[in-house]
Amino acid sequence: MEDTPQHQPIDPGMVKYLRLLVTILTATMVIGFIVIVVLFVTKFSDAFGPDLPDVITLPDGSEPLAFTQGASWYAVVTKDDQVLIYDRETGVLRQTLQID
């Protein structure tokens, strides 16, 4: 019995096929990486969020519970069930609503 392996001839068709598969895999990975980068850029381009007021002055004894905003106003919901609506431009309290 002989321990040396027999060399088999290399099929040129198989080499071309493997080269094509490797090229397709490389192209797929490059395109996938580009897609992931584009998704990150589009997803996190608005990561800084909307403009928030620098300071909100609440009435004495009020503790904020929630915050929301619209185009020309922002509102603070307090722990004592009040909604304080402020003007976005001036920061002046526009309206106070009591939640029953």
PDB file of N, CA and C in Angstrom:
ATOM      1  N   MET A   1       0.834  -1.171   0.000  1.00  0.00           N
ATOM      2  CA  MET A   1       0.000   0.000   0.000  1.00  0.00           C
ATOM      3  C   MET A   1       0.882   1.239   0.000  1.00  0.00           C
ATOM      4  N   GLU A   2       0.502   2.189  -0.792  1.00  0.00           N
ATOM      5  CA  GLU A   2       1.321   3.381  -0.966  1.00  0.00           C
ATOM      6  C   GLU A   2       0.703   4.544  -0.183  1.00  0.00           C
ATOM      7  N   ASP A   3       1.512   5.295   0.614  1.00  0.00           N
ATOM      8  CA  ASP A   3       1.004   6.382   1.447  1.00  0.00           C
ATOM      9  C   ASP A   3       0.959   7.727   0.738  1.00  0.00           C
ATOM     10  N   THR A   4       1.549   7.867  -0.383  1.00  0.00           N
ATOM     11  CA  THR A   4       1.547   9.156  -1.079  1.00  0.00           C
ATOM     12  C   THR A   4       0.218   9.319  -1.814  1.00  0.00           C
ATOM     13  N   PRO A   5      -0.409  10.495  -1.637  1.00  0.00           N
ATOM     14  CA  PRO A   5      -1.696  10.706  -2.307  1.00  0.00           C
ATOM     15  C   PRO A   5      -1.512  10.853  -3.812  1.00  0.00           C
ATOM     16  N   GLN A   6      -2.514  10.445  -4.516  1.00  0.00           N
ATOM     17  CA  GLN A   6      -2.495  10.582  -5.966  1.00  0.00           C
ATOM     18  C   GLN A   6      -2.943  11.993  -6.339  1.00  0.00           C
ATOM     19  N   HIS A   7      -2.226  12.651  -7.207  1.00  0.00           N
ATOM     20  CA  HIS A   7      -2.620  13.978  -7.682  1.00  0.00           C
ATOM     21  C   HIS A   7      -3.683  13.822  -8.745  1.00  0.00           C
ATOM     22  N   GLN A   8      -4.779  14.515  -8.521  1.00  0.00           N
ATOM     23  CA  GLN A   8      -5.845  14.460  -9.506  1.00  0.00           C
ATOM     24  C   GLN A   8      -5.780  15.720 -10.355  1.00  0.00           C
ATOM     25  N   PRO A   9      -6.132  15.651 -11.577  1.00  0.00           N
ATOM     26  CA  PRO A   9      -6.080  16.827 -12.442  1.00  0.00           C
ATOM     27  C   PRO A   9      -7.113  17.857 -11.995  1.00  0.00           C
ATOM     28  N   ILE A  10      -6.751  19.141 -12.124  1.00  0.00           N
ATOM     29  CA  ILE A  10      -7.645  20.244 -11.751  1.00  0.00           C
ATOM     30  C   ILE A  10      -8.543  20.546 -12.936  1.00  0.00           C
ATOM     31  N   ASP A  11      -9.818  20.585 -12.654  1.00  0.00           N
ATOM     32  CA  ASP A  11     -10.794  20.858 -13.704  1.00  0.00           C
ATOM     33  C   ASP A  11     -10.889  22.369 -13.916  1.00  0.00           C
ATOM     34  N   PRO A  12     -10.542  22.896 -15.096  1.00  0.00           N
ATOM     35  CA  PRO A  12     -10.605  24.346 -15.336  1.00  0.00           C
ATOM     36  C   PRO A  12     -12.029  24.893 -15.216  1.00  0.00           C
ATOM     37  N   GLY A  13     -13.020  24.103 -15.535  1.00  0.00           N
ATOM     38  CA  GLY A  13     -14.411  24.554 -15.400  1.00  0.00           C
ATOM     39  C   GLY A  13     -14.769  24.787 -13.943  1.00  0.00           C
ATOM     40  N   MET A  14     -14.298  23.911 -13.057  1.00  0.00           N
ATOM     41  CA  MET A  14     -14.566  24.063 -11.624  1.00  0.00           C
ATOM     42  C   MET A  14     -13.856  25.290 -11.066  1.00  0.00           C
ATOM     43  N   VAL A  15     -12.648  25.558 -11.529  1.00  0.00           N
ATOM     44  CA  VAL A  15     -11.912  26.745 -11.067  1.00  0.00           C
ATOM     45  C   VAL A  15     -12.646  28.009 -11.488  1.00  0.00           C
ATOM     46  N   LYS A  16     -13.139  28.058 -12.705  1.00  0.00           N
ATOM     47  CA  LYS A  16     -13.909  29.221 -13.164  1.00  0.00           C
ATOM     48  C   LYS A  16     -15.179  29.385 -12.330  1.00  0.00           C
ATOM     49  N   TYR A  17     -15.833  28.275 -12.044  1.00  0.00           N
ATOM     50  CA  TYR A  17     -17.064  28.314 -11.246  1.00  0.00           C
ATOM     51  C   TYR A  17     -16.789  28.838  -9.839  1.00  0.00           C
ATOM     52  N   LEU A  18     -15.731  28.361  -9.197  1.00  0.00           N
ATOM     53  CA  LEU A  18     -15.374  28.829  -7.853  1.00  0.00           C
ATOM     54  C   LEU A  18     -14.966  30.286  -7.869  1.00  0.00           C
ATOM     55  N   ARG A  19     -14.243  30.702  -8.906  1.00  0.00           N
ATOM     56  CA  ARG A  19     -13.839  32.108  -9.025  1.00  0.00           C
ATOM     57  C   ARG A  19     -15.083  32.990  -9.155  1.00  0.00           C
ATOM     58  N   LEU A  20     -16.075  32.549  -9.915  1.00  0.00           N
ATOM     59  CA  LEU A  20     -17.324  33.294 -10.060  1.00  0.00           C
ATOM     60  C   LEU A  20     -18.065  33.378  -8.724  1.00  0.00           C
ATOM     61  N   LEU A  21     -18.118  32.274  -7.990  1.00  0.00           N
ATOM     62  CA  LEU A  21     -18.786  32.283  -6.682  1.00  0.00           C
ATOM     63  C   LEU A  21     -18.107  33.234  -5.698  1.00  0.00           C
ATOM     64  N   VAL A  22     -16.787  33.233  -5.680  1.00  0.00           N
ATOM     65  CA  VAL A  22     -16.056  34.128  -4.780  1.00  0.00           C
ATOM     66  C   VAL A  22     -16.285  35.582  -5.178  1.00  0.00           C
ATOM     67  N   THR A  23     -16.315  35.871  -6.465  1.00  0.00           N
ATOM     68  CA  THR A  23     -16.569  37.237  -6.929  1.00  0.00           C
ATOM     69  C   THR A  23     -17.974  37.687  -6.534  1.00  0.00           C
ATOM     70  N   ILE A  24     -18.959  36.814  -6.697  1.00  0.00           N
ATOM     71  CA  ILE A  24     -20.338  37.155  -6.315  1.00  0.00           C
ATOM     72  C   ILE A  24     -20.436  37.367  -4.807  1.00  0.00           C
ATOM     73  N   LEU A  25     -19.781  36.533  -4.018  1.00  0.00           N
ATOM     74  CA  LEU A  25     -19.792  36.697  -2.563  1.00  0.00           C
ATOM     75  C   LEU A  25     -19.148  38.020  -2.157  1.00  0.00           C
ATOM     76  N   THR A  26     -18.048  38.372  -2.776  1.00  0.00           N
ATOM     77  CA  THR A  26     -17.378  39.639  -2.467  1.00  0.00           C
ATOM     78  C   THR A  26     -18.271  40.824  -2.815  1.00  0.00           C
ATOM     79  N   ALA A  27     -18.881  40.780  -3.983  1.00  0.00           N
ATOM     80  CA  ALA A  27     -19.774  41.867  -4.392  1.00  0.00           C
ATOM     81  C   ALA A  27     -20.962  41.983  -3.443  1.00  0.00           C
ATOM     82  N   THR A  28     -21.513  40.849  -3.032  1.00  0.00           N
ATOM     83  CA  THR A  28     -22.637  40.862  -2.098  1.00  0.00           C
ATOM     84  C   THR A  28     -22.237  41.473  -0.756  1.00  0.00           C
ATOM     85  N   MET A  29     -21.056  41.136  -0.272  1.00  0.00           N
ATOM     86  CA  MET A  29     -20.594  41.690   1.014  1.00  0.00           C
ATOM     87  C   MET A  29     -20.348  43.193   0.899  1.00  0.00           C
ATOM     88  N   VAL A  30     -19.775  43.649  -0.200  1.00  0.00           N
ATOM     89  CA  VAL A  30     -19.526  45.081  -0.384  1.00  0.00           C
ATOM     90  C   VAL A  30     -20.844  45.835  -0.467  1.00  0.00           C
ATOM     91  N   ILE A  31     -21.788  45.316  -1.241  1.00  0.00           N
ATOM     92  CA  ILE A  31     -23.095  45.977  -1.358  1.00  0.00           C
ATOM     93  C   ILE A  31     -23.826  45.961  -0.016  1.00  0.00           C
ATOM     94  N   GLY A  32     -23.751  44.871   0.719  1.00  0.00           N
ATOM     95  CA  GLY A  32     -24.376  44.803   2.039  1.00  0.00           C
ATOM     96  C   GLY A  32     -23.782  45.803   3.005  1.00  0.00           C
ATOM     97  N   PHE A  33     -22.466  45.957   2.971  1.00  0.00           N
ATOM     98  CA  PHE A  33     -21.812  46.935   3.842  1.00  0.00           C
ATOM     99  C   PHE A  33     -22.252  48.353   3.492  1.00  0.00           C
ATOM    100  N   ILE A  34     -22.350  48.648   2.196  1.00  0.00           N
ATOM    101  CA  ILE A  34     -22.802  49.975   1.768  1.00  0.00           C
ATOM    102  C   ILE A  34     -24.233  50.224   2.223  1.00  0.00           C
ATOM    103  N   VAL A  35     -25.084  49.221   2.116  1.00  0.00           N
ATOM    104  CA  VAL A  35     -26.480  49.361   2.558  1.00  0.00           C
ATOM    105  C   VAL A  35     -26.536  49.627   4.059  1.00  0.00           C
ATOM    106  N   ILE A  36     -25.746  48.926   4.837  1.00  0.00           N
ATOM    107  CA  ILE A  36     -25.729  49.136   6.288  1.00  0.00           C
ATOM    108  C   ILE A  36     -25.261  50.550   6.624  1.00  0.00           C
ATOM    109  N   VAL A  37     -24.238  51.029   5.958  1.00  0.00           N
ATOM    110  CA  VAL A  37     -23.752  52.392   6.209  1.00  0.00           C
ATOM    111  C   VAL A  37     -24.825  53.411   5.851  1.00  0.00           C
ATOM    112  N   VAL A  38     -25.484  53.233   4.721  1.00  0.00           N
ATOM    113  CA  VAL A  38     -26.557  54.159   4.313  1.00  0.00           C
ATOM    114  C   VAL A  38     -27.695  54.136   5.324  1.00  0.00           C
ATOM    115  N   LEU A  39     -28.066  52.962   5.811  1.00  0.00           N
ATOM    116  CA  LEU A  39     -29.132  52.883   6.809  1.00  0.00           C
ATOM    117  C   LEU A  39     -28.740  53.584   8.109  1.00  0.00           C
ATOM    118  N   PHE A  40     -27.498  53.409   8.542  1.00  0.00           N
ATOM    119  CA  PHE A  40     -27.049  54.110   9.742  1.00  0.00           C
ATOM    120  C   PHE A  40     -27.093  55.618   9.548  1.00  0.00           C
ATOM    121  N   VAL A  41     -26.644  56.082   8.412  1.00  0.00           N
ATOM    122  CA  VAL A  41     -26.621  57.528   8.168  1.00  0.00           C
ATOM    123  C   VAL A  41     -28.035  58.081   8.129  1.00  0.00           C
ATOM    124  N   THR A  42     -28.945  57.412   7.442  1.00  0.00           N
ATOM    125  CA  THR A  42     -30.309  57.923   7.368  1.00  0.00           C
ATOM    126  C   THR A  42     -31.037  57.798   8.703  1.00  0.00           C
ATOM    127  N   LYS A  43     -30.760  56.744   9.442  1.00  0.00           N
ATOM    128  CA  LYS A  43     -31.443  56.552  10.726  1.00  0.00           C
ATOM    129  C   LYS A  43     -30.968  57.537  11.782  1.00  0.00           C
ATOM    130  N   PHE A  44     -29.662  57.760  11.835  1.00  0.00           N
ATOM    131  CA  PHE A  44     -29.106  58.593  12.891  1.00  0.00           C
ATOM    132  C   PHE A  44     -28.826  60.021  12.462  1.00  0.00           C
ATOM    133  N   SER A  45     -29.243  60.422  11.268  1.00  0.00           N
ATOM    134  CA  SER A  45     -29.020  61.803  10.857  1.00  0.00           C
ATOM    135  C   SER A  45     -29.897  62.756  11.661  1.00  0.00           C
ATOM    136  N   ASP A  46     -31.011  62.262  12.158  1.00  0.00           N
ATOM    137  CA  ASP A  46     -31.910  63.087  12.969  1.00  0.00           C
ATOM    138  C   ASP A  46     -31.779  62.722  14.444  1.00  0.00           C
ATOM    139  N   ALA A  47     -30.628  62.193  14.833  1.00  0.00           N
ATOM    140  CA  ALA A  47     -30.437  61.695  16.191  1.00  0.00           C
ATOM    141  C   ALA A  47     -30.412  62.809  17.240  1.00  0.00           C
ATOM    142  N   PHE A  48     -30.108  64.021  16.816  1.00  0.00           N
ATOM    143  CA  PHE A  48     -30.022  65.099  17.786  1.00  0.00           C
ATOM    144  C   PHE A  48     -31.398  65.591  18.199  1.00  0.00           C
ATOM    145  N   GLY A  49     -32.419  65.213  17.462  1.00  0.00           N
ATOM    146  CA  GLY A  49     -33.787  65.501  17.841  1.00  0.00           C
ATOM    147  C   GLY A  49     -34.187  66.950  17.638  1.00  0.00           C
ATOM    148  N   PRO A  50     -35.376  67.276  18.074  1.00  0.00           N
ATOM    149  CA  PRO A  50     -35.900  68.632  17.897  1.00  0.00           C
ATOM    150  C   PRO A  50     -35.238  69.604  18.858  1.00  0.00           C
ATOM    151  N   ASP A  51     -35.408  70.878  18.561  1.00  0.00           N
ATOM    152  CA  ASP A  51     -34.882  71.918  19.443  1.00  0.00           C
ATOM    153  C   ASP A  51     -35.724  71.988  20.711  1.00  0.00           C
ATOM    154  N   LEU A  52     -35.061  71.906  21.829  1.00  0.00           N
ATOM    155  CA  LEU A  52     -35.734  71.994  23.116  1.00  0.00           C
ATOM    156  C   LEU A  52     -35.430  73.342  23.740  1.00  0.00           C
ATOM    157  N   PRO A  53     -36.343  73.857  24.558  1.00  0.00           N
ATOM    158  CA  PRO A  53     -36.066  75.128  25.229  1.00  0.00           C
ATOM    159  C   PRO A  53     -34.911  74.975  26.215  1.00  0.00           C
ATOM    160  N   ASP A  54     -34.137  76.047  26.360  1.00  0.00           N
ATOM    161  CA  ASP A  54     -33.001  76.007  27.286  1.00  0.00           C
ATOM    162  C   ASP A  54     -33.464  75.919  28.737  1.00  0.00           C
ATOM    163  N   VAL A  55     -34.455  76.734  29.074  1.00  0.00           N
ATOM    164  CA  VAL A  55     -34.945  76.788  30.456  1.00  0.00           C
ATOM    165  C   VAL A  55     -36.470  76.841  30.419  1.00  0.00           C
ATOM    166  N   ILE A  56     -37.104  76.100  31.305  1.00  0.00           N
ATOM    167  CA  ILE A  56     -38.554  76.174  31.473  1.00  0.00           C
ATOM    168  C   ILE A  56     -38.811  76.564  32.919  1.00  0.00           C
ATOM    169  N   THR A  57     -39.500  77.657  33.103  1.00  0.00           N
ATOM    170  CA  THR A  57     -39.814  78.136  34.450  1.00  0.00           C
ATOM    171  C   THR A  57     -41.212  77.656  34.823  1.00  0.00           C
ATOM    172  N   LEU A  58     -41.266  76.782  35.806  1.00  0.00           N
ATOM    173  CA  LEU A  58     -42.537  76.246  36.278  1.00  0.00           C
ATOM    174  C   LEU A  58     -43.032  77.055  37.464  1.00  0.00           C
ATOM    175  N   PRO A  59     -44.353  77.079  37.678  1.00  0.00           N
ATOM    176  CA  PRO A  59     -44.876  77.745  38.884  1.00  0.00           C
ATOM    177  C   PRO A  59     -44.318  77.084  40.150  1.00  0.00           C
ATOM    178  N   ASP A  60     -44.309  77.820  41.237  1.00  0.00           N
ATOM    179  CA  ASP A  60     -43.766  77.310  42.494  1.00  0.00           C
ATOM    180  C   ASP A  60     -44.497  76.041  42.931  1.00  0.00           C
ATOM    181  N   GLY A  61     -43.737  75.047  43.338  1.00  0.00           N
ATOM    182  CA  GLY A  61     -44.287  73.803  43.846  1.00  0.00           C
ATOM    183  C   GLY A  61     -44.649  72.790  42.773  1.00  0.00           C
ATOM    184  N   SER A  62     -44.490  73.136  41.516  1.00  0.00           N
ATOM    185  CA  SER A  62     -44.829  72.199  40.438  1.00  0.00           C
ATOM    186  C   SER A  62     -43.630  71.302  40.135  1.00  0.00           C
ATOM    187  N   GLU A  63     -43.913  70.023  39.976  1.00  0.00           N
ATOM    188  CA  GLU A  63     -42.869  69.066  39.598  1.00  0.00           C
ATOM    189  C   GLU A  63     -43.233  68.486  38.238  1.00  0.00           C
ATOM    190  N   PRO A  64     -42.323  68.541  37.271  1.00  0.00           N
ATOM    191  CA  PRO A  64     -42.649  68.045  35.931  1.00  0.00           C
ATOM    192  C   PRO A  64     -42.777  66.520  35.909  1.00  0.00           C
ATOM    193  N   LEU A  65     -43.699  66.056  35.089  1.00  0.00           N
ATOM    194  CA  LEU A  65     -43.922  64.631  34.919  1.00  0.00           C
ATOM    195  C   LEU A  65     -43.699  64.217  33.461  1.00  0.00           C
ATOM    196  N   ALA A  66     -44.130  65.083  32.530  1.00  0.00           N
ATOM    197  CA  ALA A  66     -43.991  64.762  31.103  1.00  0.00           C
ATOM    198  C   ALA A  66     -43.822  66.051  30.317  1.00  0.00           C
ATOM    199  N   PHE A  67     -43.289  65.900  29.098  1.00  0.00           N
ATOM    200  CA  PHE A  67     -43.043  67.045  28.223  1.00  0.00           C
ATOM    201  C   PHE A  67     -43.474  66.666  26.817  1.00  0.00           C
ATOM    202  N   THR A  68     -44.113  67.594  26.118  1.00  0.00           N
ATOM    203  CA  THR A  68     -44.446  67.408  24.709  1.00  0.00           C
ATOM    204  C   THR A  68     -44.387  68.761  24.029  1.00  0.00           C
ATOM    205  N   GLN A  69     -44.361  68.745  22.685  1.00  0.00           N
ATOM    206  CA  GLN A  69     -44.252  70.018  21.979  1.00  0.00           C
ATOM    207  C   GLN A  69     -44.939  69.965  20.637  1.00  0.00           C
ATOM    208  N   GLY A  70     -45.320  71.149  20.187  1.00  0.00           N
ATOM    209  CA  GLY A  70     -45.902  71.328  18.863  1.00  0.00           C
ATOM    210  C   GLY A  70     -45.043  72.317  18.096  1.00  0.00           C
ATOM    211  N   ALA A  71     -45.587  72.836  17.006  1.00  0.00           N
ATOM    212  CA  ALA A  71     -44.817  73.749  16.159  1.00  0.00           C
ATOM    213  C   ALA A  71     -44.549  75.083  16.847  1.00  0.00           C
ATOM    214  N   SER A  72     -45.535  75.624  17.549  1.00  0.00           N
ATOM    215  CA  SER A  72     -45.361  76.945  18.157  1.00  0.00           C
ATOM    216  C   SER A  72     -45.526  76.915  19.668  1.00  0.00           C
ATOM    217  N   TRP A  73     -45.570  75.740  20.266  1.00  0.00           N
ATOM    218  CA  TRP A  73     -45.771  75.636  21.711  1.00  0.00           C
ATOM    219  C   TRP A  73     -45.070  74.394  22.250  1.00  0.00           C
ATOM    220  N   TYR A  74     -44.939  74.359  23.552  1.00  0.00           N
ATOM    221  CA  TYR A  74     -44.527  73.145  24.247  1.00  0.00           C
ATOM    222  C   TYR A  74     -45.304  73.079  25.546  1.00  0.00           C
ATOM    223  N   ALA A  75     -45.488  71.860  26.055  1.00  0.00           N
ATOM    224  CA  ALA A  75     -46.316  71.677  27.239  1.00  0.00           C
ATOM    225  C   ALA A  75     -45.595  70.801  28.247  1.00  0.00           C
ATOM    226  N   VAL A  76     -45.851  71.095  29.513  1.00  0.00           N
ATOM    227  CA  VAL A  76     -45.308  70.315  30.613  1.00  0.00           C
ATOM    228  C   VAL A  76     -46.486  69.818  31.436  1.00  0.00           C
ATOM    229  N   VAL A  77     -46.536  68.524  31.663  1.00  0.00           N
ATOM    230  CA  VAL A  77     -47.545  67.940  32.547  1.00  0.00           C
ATOM    231  C   VAL A  77     -46.893  67.798  33.915  1.00  0.00           C
ATOM    232  N   THR A  78     -47.563  68.295  34.941  1.00  0.00           N
ATOM    233  CA  THR A  78     -46.998  68.278  36.290  1.00  0.00           C
ATOM    234  C   THR A  78     -47.605  67.141  37.103  1.00  0.00           C
ATOM    235  N   LYS A  79     -46.982  66.861  38.245  1.00  0.00           N
ATOM    236  CA  LYS A  79     -47.450  65.777  39.113  1.00  0.00           C
ATOM    237  C   LYS A  79     -48.791  66.088  39.764  1.00  0.00           C
ATOM    238  N   ASP A  80     -49.164  67.370  39.840  1.00  0.00           N
ATOM    239  CA  ASP A  80     -50.463  67.724  40.407  1.00  0.00           C
ATOM    240  C   ASP A  80     -51.537  67.843  39.323  1.00  0.00           C
ATOM    241  N   ASP A  81     -51.379  67.085  38.207  1.00  0.00           N
ATOM    242  CA  ASP A  81     -52.365  66.965  37.125  1.00  0.00           C
ATOM    243  C   ASP A  81     -52.710  68.297  36.465  1.00  0.00           C
ATOM    244  N   GLN A  82     -51.700  69.078  36.161  1.00  0.00           N
ATOM    245  CA  GLN A  82     -51.881  70.292  35.387  1.00  0.00           C
ATOM    246  C   GLN A  82     -51.079  70.173  34.093  1.00  0.00           C
ATOM    247  N   VAL A  83     -51.610  70.782  33.043  1.00  0.00           N
ATOM    248  CA  VAL A  83     -50.892  70.882  31.782  1.00  0.00           C
ATOM    249  C   VAL A  83     -50.564  72.356  31.582  1.00  0.00           C
ATOM    250  N   LEU A  84     -49.281  72.659  31.551  1.00  0.00           N
ATOM    251  CA  LEU A  84     -48.821  74.033  31.374  1.00  0.00           C
ATOM    252  C   LEU A  84     -48.340  74.195  29.939  1.00  0.00           C
ATOM    253  N   ILE A  85     -49.021  75.063  29.178  1.00  0.00           N
ATOM    254  CA  ILE A  85     -48.697  75.258  27.770  1.00  0.00           C
ATOM    255  C   ILE A  85     -47.959  76.582  27.626  1.00  0.00           C
ATOM    256  N   TYR A  86     -46.752  76.506  27.042  1.00  0.00           N
ATOM    257  CA  TYR A  86     -45.881  77.670  26.877  1.00  0.00           C
ATOM    258  C   TYR A  86     -45.738  78.030  25.408  1.00  0.00           C
ATOM    259  N   ASP A  87     -45.505  79.320  25.136  1.00  0.00           N
ATOM    260  CA  ASP A  87     -45.203  79.785  23.786  1.00  0.00           C
ATOM    261  C   ASP A  87     -43.752  79.433  23.467  1.00  0.00           C
ATOM    262  N   ARG A  88     -43.505  78.873  22.304  1.00  0.00           N
ATOM    263  CA  ARG A  88     -42.152  78.447  21.946  1.00  0.00           C
ATOM    264  C   ARG A  88     -41.217  79.637  21.747  1.00  0.00           C
ATOM    265  N   GLU A  89     -41.693  80.712  21.153  1.00  0.00           N
ATOM    266  CA  GLU A  89     -40.834  81.864  20.848  1.00  0.00           C
ATOM    267  C   GLU A  89     -40.433  82.633  22.105  1.00  0.00           C
ATOM    268  N   THR A  90     -41.401  82.926  22.956  1.00  0.00           N
ATOM    269  CA  THR A  90     -41.134  83.794  24.109  1.00  0.00           C
ATOM    270  C   THR A  90     -40.915  83.029  25.405  1.00  0.00           C
ATOM    271  N   GLY A  91     -41.420  81.817  25.496  1.00  0.00           N
ATOM    272  CA  GLY A  91     -41.309  81.059  26.734  1.00  0.00           C
ATOM    273  C   GLY A  91     -42.330  81.460  27.778  1.00  0.00           C
ATOM    274  N   VAL A  92     -43.306  82.258  27.385  1.00  0.00           N
ATOM    275  CA  VAL A  92     -44.342  82.734  28.299  1.00  0.00           C
ATOM    276  C   VAL A  92     -45.443  81.679  28.410  1.00  0.00           C
ATOM    277  N   LEU A  93     -45.944  81.513  29.626  1.00  0.00           N
ATOM    278  CA  LEU A  93     -47.025  80.564  29.894  1.00  0.00           C
ATOM    279  C   LEU A  93     -48.286  81.044  29.194  1.00  0.00           C
ATOM    280  N   ARG A  94     -48.799  80.266  28.239  1.00  0.00           N
ATOM    281  CA  ARG A  94     -50.008  80.626  27.483  1.00  0.00           C
ATOM    282  C   ARG A  94     -51.280  80.219  28.206  1.00  0.00           C
ATOM    283  N   GLN A  95     -51.281  78.972  28.680  1.00  0.00           N
ATOM    284  CA  GLN A  95     -52.516  78.407  29.205  1.00  0.00           C
ATOM    285  C   GLN A  95     -52.189  77.336  30.238  1.00  0.00           C
ATOM    286  N   THR A  96     -53.071  77.217  31.221  1.00  0.00           N
ATOM    287  CA  THR A  96     -52.974  76.171  32.219  1.00  0.00           C
ATOM    288  C   THR A  96     -54.259  75.360  32.210  1.00  0.00           C
ATOM    289  N   LEU A  97     -54.140  74.051  32.077  1.00  0.00           N
ATOM    290  CA  LEU A  97     -55.312  73.183  32.085  1.00  0.00           C
ATOM    291  C   LEU A  97     -55.224  72.273  33.303  1.00  0.00           C
ATOM    292  N   GLN A  98     -56.332  72.130  34.013  1.00  0.00           N
ATOM    293  CA  GLN A  98     -56.402  71.238  35.145  1.00  0.00           C
ATOM    294  C   GLN A  98     -57.066  69.935  34.698  1.00  0.00           C
ATOM    295  N   ILE A  99     -56.415  68.809  34.936  1.00  0.00           N
ATOM    296  CA  ILE A  99     -56.975  67.513  34.567  1.00  0.00           C
ATOM    297  C   ILE A  99     -57.760  66.981  35.755  1.00  0.00           C
ATOM    298  N   ASP A 100     -59.005  66.613  35.496  1.00  0.00           N
ATOM    299  CA  ASP A 100     -59.865  66.111  36.593  1.00  0.00           C
ATOM    300  C   ASP A 100     -59.682  64.645  36.783  1.00  0.00           C
TER     301      ASP A 100
END
